[in-house]
Every structure is written in C-alpha cells, then in structure tokens.
Amino acid sequence: MQANYLMEKKLTAVQTKELAQALPAHFKQLDGEFHQRAAWLRAAAAQDSELVACHYSRLVESCALCHAAYARSRFPGFSPPVQQGHHH
C-alpha cells in the first residue's frame, strides 16, 4: 500500500504540480489519511490481534469511502457515501 501512495510516486516537479492542482482537496485528504494509517502494522508487529482488527477495519472503511467517491468507474460495486443526518 505504501508503494502505491499516489502523492509519493516518483514524479517530476511539473507532474507533481499538475497532479496537486488536478486532484480534489477531499481526495488528497482521504489519500493522505489512508497512507498515514500504519497503526495496524505497528499493532501487528506487537502481536496485538484485537488492535490489528480495530485499526484494519478503519483502514478498509477509508478505502471504501474513497473508492465510492472517486473510483466508481474502476470499482463499480461501490455506491456513493451515504450522508448521515444529525441524530440524538
């Protein structure tokens, strides 16, 4: 996953600038958050399976949110995120 981090690919300065301008801010936020979520890897190294499951679940959730919002043509099974209403 780290090797696929779009914003850290070996791009020229011009390509990096073009990419930064072309991508929506929300996509860049989701992409950055996804690749910063290495907590499950640290939990795995510590052999804490419960914590691995918790962090991995959050990681997969972020994948689904981003794919639903920005990659539906590539992942047609994803539907757009459902907006949660305000509940008490």
Protein backbone atom coordinates (compact mmCIF):
# COMPACT_ATOMS: atom_id res chain seq x y z
CA MET A 1 0.00 0.00 0.00
CA GLN A 2 2.78 2.43 0.84
CA ALA A 3 4.38 1.76 -2.54
CA ASN A 4 1.12 2.80 -4.23
CA TYR A 5 0.78 6.13 -2.42
CA LEU A 6 -0.12 8.41 -5.31
CA MET A 7 1.31 11.56 -3.79
CA GLU A 8 4.72 9.94 -3.17
CA LYS A 9 5.29 8.47 -6.64
CA LYS A 10 8.50 9.43 -8.38
CA LEU A 11 7.13 12.28 -10.44
CA THR A 12 8.84 15.26 -11.97
CA ALA A 13 8.28 18.62 -10.32
CA VAL A 14 5.93 19.59 -13.16
CA GLN A 15 3.94 16.34 -12.85
CA THR A 16 3.67 16.76 -9.07
CA LYS A 17 2.35 20.31 -9.51
CA GLU A 18 -0.14 19.22 -12.19
CA LEU A 19 -1.35 16.35 -10.03
CA ALA A 20 -1.72 18.53 -6.95
CA GLN A 21 -3.80 21.01 -8.96
CA ALA A 22 -5.93 18.37 -10.68
CA LEU A 23 -6.96 16.30 -7.67
CA PRO A 24 -9.82 17.46 -5.46
CA ALA A 25 -8.78 18.52 -1.96
CA HIS A 26 -11.05 15.88 -0.39
CA PHE A 27 -9.36 13.14 -2.42
CA LYS A 28 -5.92 14.31 -1.28
CA GLN A 29 -7.14 14.36 2.32
CA LEU A 30 -8.52 10.80 2.12
CA ASP A 31 -5.43 9.54 0.31
CA GLY A 32 -3.09 11.05 2.87
CA GLU A 33 -5.11 9.73 5.81
CA PHE A 34 -5.17 6.26 4.28
CA HIS A 35 -1.42 6.10 3.92
CA GLN A 36 -0.80 7.52 7.38
CA ARG A 37 -2.86 4.76 8.98
CA ALA A 38 0.05 2.45 9.71
CA ALA A 39 -1.19 1.85 13.26
CA TRP A 40 -2.41 -1.61 12.29
CA LEU A 41 1.11 -2.51 11.14
CA ARG A 42 2.55 -1.46 14.50
CA ALA A 43 -0.15 -3.44 16.29
CA ALA A 44 0.68 -6.48 14.15
CA ALA A 45 4.37 -6.15 15.00
CA ALA A 46 3.35 -6.09 18.67
CA GLN A 47 1.18 -9.19 18.04
CA ASP A 48 -1.93 -7.40 19.33
CA SER A 49 -4.58 -9.08 17.17
CA GLU A 50 -7.51 -7.17 18.68
CA LEU A 51 -5.90 -3.82 17.95
CA VAL A 52 -4.92 -5.01 14.46
CA ALA A 53 -8.56 -5.85 13.73
CA CYS A 54 -9.74 -2.45 15.00
CA HIS A 55 -7.23 -0.42 13.00
CA TYR A 56 -7.56 -2.59 9.90
CA SER A 57 -11.33 -2.11 9.96
CA ARG A 58 -10.86 1.67 9.97
CA LEU A 59 -8.34 1.36 7.15
CA VAL A 60 -10.73 -0.64 4.97
CA GLU A 61 -13.50 1.84 5.73
CA SER A 62 -11.33 4.66 4.41
CA CYS A 63 -10.67 2.61 1.24
CA ALA A 64 -14.39 2.16 0.68
CA LEU A 65 -15.14 5.85 1.22
CA CYS A 66 -12.52 6.96 -1.26
CA HIS A 67 -13.37 4.34 -3.89
CA ALA A 68 -17.07 5.17 -3.63
CA ALA A 69 -16.38 8.86 -4.07
CA TYR A 70 -13.56 8.85 -6.64
CA ALA A 71 -13.17 5.48 -8.33
CA ARG A 72 -16.65 4.18 -9.14
CA SER A 73 -15.72 3.62 -12.78
CA ARG A 74 -12.86 1.38 -11.67
CA PHE A 75 -14.80 -0.15 -8.76
CA PRO A 76 -18.43 -0.17 -9.98
CA GLY A 77 -19.69 -2.11 -6.95
CA PHE A 78 -19.14 0.84 -4.65
CA SER A 79 -22.01 3.23 -4.12
CA PRO A 80 -21.67 6.87 -3.15
CA PRO A 81 -21.22 7.54 0.56
CA VAL A 82 -24.48 7.92 2.46
CA GLN A 83 -24.76 11.27 4.21
CA GLN A 84 -25.58 10.75 7.86
CA GLY A 85 -28.25 13.02 9.28
CA HIS A 86 -27.95 14.66 12.67
CA HIS A 87 -29.34 12.32 15.33
CA HIS A 88 -29.54 12.43 19.10
